[in-house]
Amino acid sequence: MRPTRGLVVVMFALAVAFSSQAADPETADTPSALESSPEGWTDLFAAAGPDLKGWTRLPIPPNKPLKSETTSQWSLDPKAGILLCQGDGGHEWVRWDKEVGDGIFHVEWRFTPVEGKKGYNSGVFVRNSYDATIWHQAQTGDGGGGYLFGNSPVNGKLERFTQAKGARERREKPPGEWNTYEITCKGKEISLWVNGAVVSTFKACEVPKGYIGLEAEGWRIEFRNAKWKGE
């Protein structure tokens, strides 16, 4: 049967749409930097031990005291390589105590699901100041994260920026499933790769180096494969 003119037009439009999608690098998953080049990474949990040696707990915001100076909501299982945050010790972060410049921060995380709850919240930090007065965070959540935001200096003055509405797509998996983040810092650009694709980019970072870390914000969350690769 000879196709009608209308059918030909529809088939052509579908072919164009398919070819455009295939050619668009943002629609195809890409491997993580760790998968692509597994050499040269520093394992941030390997030498930490149960007492998180080489990491420091700090309050958020920095002018408030920790909820407890003696009891930590963070615990590391060295054998499993998993850092657990119970989420019951107030708003704080753990800082890896080595200042770094350009490089890639790879970390995998998952929330413990709570039946009937939503609004899961935590974050991954790069280029923070020593006390997190300056901070740049990759937001985690239950589908509402996957973007960069923070308090970053603009001409010497701290200003809030957010990529919440500019994220290309939401790629986070639901609570109970592992997610992978890679935050790449290069010059003034910070980019966030989530589960196969770069989804958020901040191109005006005036902070050339800083501290990386992980956030506690009232939810039980696990982290693993925390690795850093400098450039």
C-alpha atoms as a PDB file:
ATOM      1  CA  MET A   1       0.000   0.000   0.000  1.00  0.00           C
ATOM      2  CA  ARG A   2       1.317   3.404  -0.908  1.00  0.00           C
ATOM      3  CA  PRO A   3       1.596   5.717   2.188  1.00  0.00           C
ATOM      4  CA  THR A   4      -0.517   8.856   2.188  1.00  0.00           C
ATOM      5  CA  ARG A   5       1.087  12.282   2.265  1.00  0.00           C
ATOM      6  CA  GLY A   6      -0.071  12.770   5.870  1.00  0.00           C
ATOM      7  CA  LEU A   7       1.521   9.503   6.979  1.00  0.00           C
ATOM      8  CA  VAL A   8       4.786  10.425   5.272  1.00  0.00           C
ATOM      9  CA  VAL A   9       4.863  13.757   7.093  1.00  0.00           C
ATOM     10  CA  VAL A  10       4.253  12.088  10.466  1.00  0.00           C
ATOM     11  CA  MET A  11       6.949   9.463   9.829  1.00  0.00           C
ATOM     12  CA  PHE A  12       9.442  12.151   8.837  1.00  0.00           C
ATOM     13  CA  ALA A  13       8.700  14.198  11.983  1.00  0.00           C
ATOM     14  CA  LEU A  14       9.179  11.142  14.194  1.00  0.00           C
ATOM     15  CA  ALA A  15      12.472  10.329  12.483  1.00  0.00           C
ATOM     16  CA  VAL A  16      13.738  13.877  13.013  1.00  0.00           C
ATOM     17  CA  ALA A  17      12.701  13.836  16.669  1.00  0.00           C
ATOM     18  CA  PHE A  18      14.398  10.490  17.239  1.00  0.00           C
ATOM     19  CA  SER A  19      17.623  11.552  15.548  1.00  0.00           C
ATOM     20  CA  SER A  20      17.698  14.828  17.503  1.00  0.00           C
ATOM     21  CA  GLN A  21      17.263  12.979  20.770  1.00  0.00           C
ATOM     22  CA  ALA A  22      19.990  10.504  19.889  1.00  0.00           C
ATOM     23  CA  ALA A  23      22.357  13.339  19.027  1.00  0.00           C
ATOM     24  CA  ASP A  24      21.654  15.306  22.203  1.00  0.00           C
ATOM     25  CA  PRO A  25      24.437  14.477  24.715  1.00  0.00           C
ATOM     26  CA  GLU A  26      22.201  15.531  27.636  1.00  0.00           C
ATOM     27  CA  THR A  27      19.686  12.743  26.971  1.00  0.00           C
ATOM     28  CA  ALA A  28      22.198   9.872  26.986  1.00  0.00           C
ATOM     29  CA  ASP A  29      23.696   8.538  30.211  1.00  0.00           C
ATOM     30  CA  THR A  30      27.433   8.864  30.626  1.00  0.00           C
ATOM     31  CA  PRO A  31      29.690   6.856  32.953  1.00  0.00           C
ATOM     32  CA  SER A  32      30.963   8.446  36.137  1.00  0.00           C
ATOM     33  CA  ALA A  33      34.506   9.768  36.262  1.00  0.00           C
ATOM     34  CA  LEU A  34      35.305   6.996  38.752  1.00  0.00           C
ATOM     35  CA  GLU A  35      34.103   4.365  36.291  1.00  0.00           C
ATOM     36  CA  SER A  36      35.912   5.972  33.371  1.00  0.00           C
ATOM     37  CA  SER A  37      39.208   6.422  35.197  1.00  0.00           C
ATOM     38  CA  PRO A  38      39.446   4.399  38.437  1.00  0.00           C
ATOM     39  CA  GLU A  39      43.084   5.270  39.143  1.00  0.00           C
ATOM     40  CA  GLY A  40      44.354   8.182  41.223  1.00  0.00           C
ATOM     41  CA  TRP A  41      41.474   8.577  43.679  1.00  0.00           C
ATOM     42  CA  THR A  42      41.804   9.145  47.437  1.00  0.00           C
ATOM     43  CA  ASP A  43      39.393   7.035  49.494  1.00  0.00           C
ATOM     44  CA  LEU A  44      38.171   9.450  52.174  1.00  0.00           C
ATOM     45  CA  PHE A  45      36.867   6.725  54.505  1.00  0.00           C
ATOM     46  CA  ALA A  46      39.697   4.196  54.184  1.00  0.00           C
ATOM     47  CA  ALA A  47      41.908   5.616  56.937  1.00  0.00           C
ATOM     48  CA  ALA A  48      39.208   7.341  58.998  1.00  0.00           C
ATOM     49  CA  GLY A  49      38.264   4.444  61.276  1.00  0.00           C
ATOM     50  CA  PRO A  50      35.198   4.378  63.547  1.00  0.00           C
ATOM     51  CA  ASP A  51      36.132   7.730  65.108  1.00  0.00           C
ATOM     52  CA  LEU A  52      36.232   9.483  61.692  1.00  0.00           C
ATOM     53  CA  LYS A  53      39.876  10.486  61.960  1.00  0.00           C
ATOM     54  CA  GLY A  54      40.620  13.255  59.494  1.00  0.00           C
ATOM     55  CA  TRP A  55      37.044  14.565  59.619  1.00  0.00           C
ATOM     56  CA  THR A  56      35.543  17.268  61.860  1.00  0.00           C
ATOM     57  CA  ARG A  57      31.933  17.827  62.970  1.00  0.00           C
ATOM     58  CA  LEU A  58      30.781  21.426  62.713  1.00  0.00           C
ATOM     59  CA  PRO A  59      27.432  23.157  63.287  1.00  0.00           C
ATOM     60  CA  ILE A  60      25.235  24.791  60.675  1.00  0.00           C
ATOM     61  CA  PRO A  61      25.082  27.756  60.819  1.00  0.00           C
ATOM     62  CA  PRO A  62      28.629  28.182  62.136  1.00  0.00           C
ATOM     63  CA  ASN A  63      27.701  30.552  64.981  1.00  0.00           C
ATOM     64  CA  LYS A  64      25.517  27.951  66.718  1.00  0.00           C
ATOM     65  CA  PRO A  65      26.857  25.226  69.036  1.00  0.00           C
ATOM     66  CA  LEU A  66      26.649  21.557  68.194  1.00  0.00           C
ATOM     67  CA  LYS A  67      23.597  19.835  69.656  1.00  0.00           C
ATOM     68  CA  SER A  68      26.014  17.555  71.507  1.00  0.00           C
ATOM     69  CA  GLU A  69      29.768  17.911  71.855  1.00  0.00           C
ATOM     70  CA  THR A  70      30.161  14.342  73.120  1.00  0.00           C
ATOM     71  CA  THR A  71      27.593  12.273  71.221  1.00  0.00           C
ATOM     72  CA  SER A  72      27.843  12.123  67.449  1.00  0.00           C
ATOM     73  CA  GLN A  73      25.079  11.217  65.013  1.00  0.00           C
ATOM     74  CA  TRP A  74      27.798  10.038  62.604  1.00  0.00           C
ATOM     75  CA  SER A  75      29.317   6.544  62.659  1.00  0.00           C
ATOM     76  CA  LEU A  76      31.599   4.818  60.176  1.00  0.00           C
ATOM     77  CA  ASP A  77      31.624   1.089  59.562  1.00  0.00           C
ATOM     78  CA  PRO A  78      35.190   0.611  58.250  1.00  0.00           C
ATOM     79  CA  LYS A  79      34.546  -2.926  57.055  1.00  0.00           C
ATOM     80  CA  ALA A  80      31.508  -1.985  54.968  1.00  0.00           C
ATOM     81  CA  GLY A  81      32.924   1.428  54.074  1.00  0.00           C
ATOM     82  CA  ILE A  82      29.633   3.115  54.947  1.00  0.00           C
ATOM     83  CA  LEU A  83      29.234   6.346  56.894  1.00  0.00           C
ATOM     84  CA  LEU A  84      25.870   6.524  58.645  1.00  0.00           C
ATOM     85  CA  CYS A  85      24.201   9.728  59.773  1.00  0.00           C
ATOM     86  CA  GLN A  86      21.334   8.963  62.172  1.00  0.00           C
ATOM     87  CA  GLY A  87      19.768  12.357  61.510  1.00  0.00           C
ATOM     88  CA  ASP A  88      18.969  12.958  65.185  1.00  0.00           C
ATOM     89  CA  GLY A  89      21.851  15.217  66.191  1.00  0.00           C
ATOM     90  CA  GLY A  90      20.840  18.575  64.771  1.00  0.00           C
ATOM     91  CA  HIS A  91      21.885  20.481  61.679  1.00  0.00           C
ATOM     92  CA  GLU A  92      25.613  20.032  61.094  1.00  0.00           C
ATOM     93  CA  TRP A  93      28.209  18.800  58.647  1.00  0.00           C
ATOM     94  CA  VAL A  94      31.339  16.676  58.689  1.00  0.00           C
ATOM     95  CA  ARG A  95      34.327  18.293  56.986  1.00  0.00           C
ATOM     96  CA  TRP A  96      37.196  16.398  55.419  1.00  0.00           C
ATOM     97  CA  ASP A  97      40.133  18.247  56.927  1.00  0.00           C
ATOM     98  CA  LYS A  98      42.214  18.785  53.791  1.00  0.00           C
ATOM     99  CA  GLU A  99      41.702  21.914  51.731  1.00  0.00           C
ATOM    100  CA  VAL A 100      41.506  21.134  48.019  1.00  0.00           C
ATOM    101  CA  GLY A 101      41.285  23.027  44.749  1.00  0.00           C
ATOM    102  CA  ASP A 102      40.242  21.691  41.362  1.00  0.00           C
ATOM    103  CA  GLY A 103      39.088  18.090  41.244  1.00  0.00           C
ATOM    104  CA  ILE A 104      36.169  15.674  41.480  1.00  0.00           C
ATOM    105  CA  PHE A 105      34.259  14.627  44.594  1.00  0.00           C
ATOM    106  CA  HIS A 106      32.551  11.270  44.087  1.00  0.00           C
ATOM    107  CA  VAL A 107      30.067  10.052  46.699  1.00  0.00           C
ATOM    108  CA  GLU A 108      27.165   7.619  46.804  1.00  0.00           C
ATOM    109  CA  TRP A 109      24.225   8.061  49.188  1.00  0.00           C
ATOM    110  CA  ARG A 110      20.808   6.735  50.124  1.00  0.00           C
ATOM    111  CA  PHE A 111      18.142   7.752  52.601  1.00  0.00           C
ATOM    112  CA  THR A 112      16.505   5.262  54.945  1.00  0.00           C
ATOM    113  CA  PRO A 113      12.844   5.285  53.873  1.00  0.00           C
ATOM    114  CA  VAL A 114      10.228   6.244  56.450  1.00  0.00           C
ATOM    115  CA  GLU A 115       6.677   5.188  55.638  1.00  0.00           C
ATOM    116  CA  GLY A 116       4.402   8.124  54.941  1.00  0.00           C
ATOM    117  CA  LYS A 117       7.201  10.679  55.017  1.00  0.00           C
ATOM    118  CA  LYS A 118       8.576  12.923  52.278  1.00  0.00           C
ATOM    119  CA  GLY A 119      10.834  15.948  52.052  1.00  0.00           C
ATOM    120  CA  TYR A 120      14.071  14.014  52.689  1.00  0.00           C
ATOM    121  CA  ASN A 121      16.963  16.446  52.974  1.00  0.00           C
ATOM    122  CA  SER A 122      20.756  16.389  53.111  1.00  0.00           C
ATOM    123  CA  GLY A 123      23.634  17.607  50.972  1.00  0.00           C
ATOM    124  CA  VAL A 124      27.168  17.241  49.671  1.00  0.00           C
ATOM    125  CA  PHE A 125      29.579  20.177  49.982  1.00  0.00           C
ATOM    126  CA  VAL A 126      32.519  21.463  47.947  1.00  0.00           C
ATOM    127  CA  ARG A 127      34.669  24.568  48.218  1.00  0.00           C
ATOM    128  CA  ASN A 128      33.396  25.442  51.663  1.00  0.00           C
ATOM    129  CA  SER A 129      35.237  27.779  53.956  1.00  0.00           C
ATOM    130  CA  TYR A 130      36.723  26.241  57.116  1.00  0.00           C
ATOM    131  CA  ASP A 131      33.509  26.885  59.105  1.00  0.00           C
ATOM    132  CA  ALA A 132      31.046  26.807  56.162  1.00  0.00           C
ATOM    133  CA  THR A 133      30.313  30.512  56.206  1.00  0.00           C
ATOM    134  CA  ILE A 134      30.981  30.091  52.495  1.00  0.00           C
ATOM    135  CA  TRP A 135      29.385  26.934  51.108  1.00  0.00           C
ATOM    136  CA  HIS A 136      28.475  25.271  47.838  1.00  0.00           C
ATOM    137  CA  GLN A 137      26.070  22.352  48.132  1.00  0.00           C
ATOM    138  CA  ALA A 138      24.706  19.630  45.888  1.00  0.00           C
ATOM    139  CA  GLN A 139      21.213  19.148  47.284  1.00  0.00           C
ATOM    140  CA  THR A 140      19.991  15.628  47.957  1.00  0.00           C
ATOM    141  CA  GLY A 141      16.364  14.681  48.480  1.00  0.00           C
ATOM    142  CA  ASP A 142      13.547  12.404  47.369  1.00  0.00           C
ATOM    143  CA  GLY A 143      13.209  13.760  43.860  1.00  0.00           C
ATOM    144  CA  GLY A 144      13.416  17.452  44.709  1.00  0.00           C
ATOM    145  CA  GLY A 145      17.205  17.617  44.852  1.00  0.00           C
ATOM    146  CA  GLY A 146      19.872  17.216  42.227  1.00  0.00           C
ATOM    147  CA  TYR A 147      20.940  20.840  41.924  1.00  0.00           C
ATOM    148  CA  LEU A 148      23.623  23.223  43.187  1.00  0.00           C
ATOM    149  CA  PHE A 149      23.059  26.142  45.553  1.00  0.00           C
ATOM    150  CA  GLY A 150      24.935  27.973  48.265  1.00  0.00           C
ATOM    151  CA  ASN A 151      26.364  31.135  49.780  1.00  0.00           C
ATOM    152  CA  SER A 152      29.217  32.248  47.572  1.00  0.00           C
ATOM    153  CA  PRO A 153      31.126  35.542  47.386  1.00  0.00           C
ATOM    154  CA  VAL A 154      30.397  37.935  44.557  1.00  0.00           C
ATOM    155  CA  ASN A 155      32.938  40.766  44.473  1.00  0.00           C
ATOM    156  CA  GLY A 156      33.767  40.045  48.101  1.00  0.00           C
ATOM    157  CA  LYS A 157      30.159  39.953  49.343  1.00  0.00           C
ATOM    158  CA  LEU A 158      28.317  36.733  50.177  1.00  0.00           C
ATOM    159  CA  GLU A 159      25.264  36.121  48.014  1.00  0.00           C
ATOM    160  CA  ARG A 160      22.849  33.204  47.772  1.00  0.00           C
ATOM    161  CA  PHE A 161      22.683  31.392  44.455  1.00  0.00           C
ATOM    162  CA  THR A 162      20.503  28.458  43.464  1.00  0.00           C
ATOM    163  CA  GLN A 163      20.156  26.229  40.438  1.00  0.00           C
ATOM    164  CA  ALA A 164      16.908  24.701  41.737  1.00  0.00           C
ATOM    165  CA  LYS A 165      14.848  25.876  38.775  1.00  0.00           C
ATOM    166  CA  GLY A 166      17.681  25.539  36.286  1.00  0.00           C
ATOM    167  CA  ALA A 167      18.492  21.854  36.823  1.00  0.00           C
ATOM    168  CA  ARG A 168      18.218  20.006  33.506  1.00  0.00           C
ATOM    169  CA  GLU A 169      16.352  17.027  34.960  1.00  0.00           C
ATOM    170  CA  ARG A 170      15.610  15.247  38.228  1.00  0.00           C
ATOM    171  CA  ARG A 171      17.536  11.970  38.302  1.00  0.00           C
ATOM    172  CA  GLU A 172      17.463  11.064  41.987  1.00  0.00           C
ATOM    173  CA  LYS A 173      16.282   7.603  42.976  1.00  0.00           C
ATOM    174  CA  PRO A 174      13.735   7.169  45.795  1.00  0.00           C
ATOM    175  CA  PRO A 175      14.657   6.620  49.446  1.00  0.00           C
ATOM    176  CA  GLY A 176      16.159   3.182  50.003  1.00  0.00           C
ATOM    177  CA  GLU A 177      18.075   3.195  46.695  1.00  0.00           C
ATOM    178  CA  TRP A 178      21.678   4.273  46.174  1.00  0.00           C
ATOM    179  CA  ASN A 179      22.402   7.474  44.235  1.00  0.00           C
ATOM    180  CA  THR A 180      25.717   8.616  42.825  1.00  0.00           C
ATOM    181  CA  TYR A 181      26.889  12.223  42.793  1.00  0.00           C
ATOM    182  CA  GLU A 182      30.057  13.595  41.246  1.00  0.00           C
ATOM    183  CA  ILE A 183      30.829  17.251  41.784  1.00  0.00           C
ATOM    184  CA  THR A 184      33.555  18.599  39.527  1.00  0.00           C
ATOM    185  CA  CYS A 185      35.365  21.815  40.434  1.00  0.00           C
ATOM    186  CA  LYS A 186      37.435  23.420  37.706  1.00  0.00           C
ATOM    187  CA  GLY A 187      38.358  27.070  37.849  1.00  0.00           C
ATOM    188  CA  LYS A 188      35.182  29.069  38.387  1.00  0.00           C
ATOM    189  CA  GLU A 189      32.898  26.231  37.319  1.00  0.00           C
ATOM    190  CA  ILE A 190      31.228  23.672  39.579  1.00  0.00           C
ATOM    191  CA  SER A 191      29.164  20.962  37.889  1.00  0.00           C
ATOM    192  CA  LEU A 192      26.978  18.219  39.349  1.00  0.00           C
ATOM    193  CA  TRP A 193      26.654  14.784  37.746  1.00  0.00           C
ATOM    194  CA  VAL A 194      23.748  12.679  39.037  1.00  0.00           C
ATOM    195  CA  ASN A 195      23.196   9.011  38.168  1.00  0.00           C
ATOM    196  CA  GLY A 196      24.473   9.288  34.622  1.00  0.00           C
ATOM    197  CA  ALA A 197      24.279  12.920  33.553  1.00  0.00           C
ATOM    198  CA  VAL A 198      25.372  16.449  34.424  1.00  0.00           C
ATOM    199  CA  VAL A 199      22.249  18.221  35.647  1.00  0.00           C
ATOM    200  CA  SER A 200      23.439  21.478  37.239  1.00  0.00           C
ATOM    201  CA  THR A 201      26.328  23.889  36.641  1.00  0.00           C
ATOM    202  CA  PHE A 202      27.430  26.978  38.562  1.00  0.00           C
ATOM    203  CA  LYS A 203      29.855  29.038  36.480  1.00  0.00           C
ATOM    204  CA  ALA A 204      30.693  31.958  38.755  1.00  0.00           C
ATOM    205  CA  CYS A 205      32.530  30.487  41.740  1.00  0.00           C
ATOM    206  CA  GLU A 206      35.112  32.984  42.996  1.00  0.00           C
ATOM    207  CA  VAL A 207      36.505  30.535  45.569  1.00  0.00           C
ATOM    208  CA  PRO A 208      39.519  28.704  44.078  1.00  0.00           C
ATOM    209  CA  LYS A 209      39.781  26.108  46.843  1.00  0.00           C
ATOM    210  CA  GLY A 210      38.045  24.937  49.998  1.00  0.00           C
ATOM    211  CA  TYR A 211      36.736  21.965  51.963  1.00  0.00           C
ATOM    212  CA  ILE A 212      34.457  19.108  50.994  1.00  0.00           C
ATOM    213  CA  GLY A 213      31.917  17.576  53.345  1.00  0.00           C
ATOM    214  CA  LEU A 214      28.595  15.897  54.038  1.00  0.00           C
ATOM    215  CA  GLU A 215      25.475  17.319  55.669  1.00  0.00           C
ATOM    216  CA  ALA A 216      23.124  16.153  58.440  1.00  0.00           C
ATOM    217  CA  GLU A 217      19.674  17.695  58.312  1.00  0.00           C
ATOM    218  CA  GLY A 218      17.268  15.541  60.257  1.00  0.00           C
ATOM    219  CA  TRP A 219      17.121  12.431  58.076  1.00  0.00           C
ATOM    220  CA  ARG A 220      18.840   9.059  58.356  1.00  0.00           C
ATOM    221  CA  ILE A 221      21.228   8.782  55.424  1.00  0.00           C
ATOM    222  CA  GLU A 222      24.168   6.574  54.436  1.00  0.00           C
ATOM    223  CA  PHE A 223      27.220   7.534  52.394  1.00  0.00           C
ATOM    224  CA  ARG A 224      29.744   5.255  50.703  1.00  0.00           C
ATOM    225  CA  ASN A 225      32.567   5.429  48.139  1.00  0.00           C
ATOM    226  CA  ALA A 226      33.505   8.953  49.149  1.00  0.00           C
ATOM    227  CA  LYS A 227      36.506   9.643  46.951  1.00  0.00           C
ATOM    228  CA  TRP A 228      38.457  12.693  45.800  1.00  0.00           C
ATOM    229  CA  LYS A 229      40.581  13.094  42.688  1.00  0.00           C
ATOM    230  CA  GLY A 230      42.529  16.315  42.282  1.00  0.00           C
ATOM    231  CA  GLU A 231      43.449  17.850  38.962  1.00  0.00           C
END
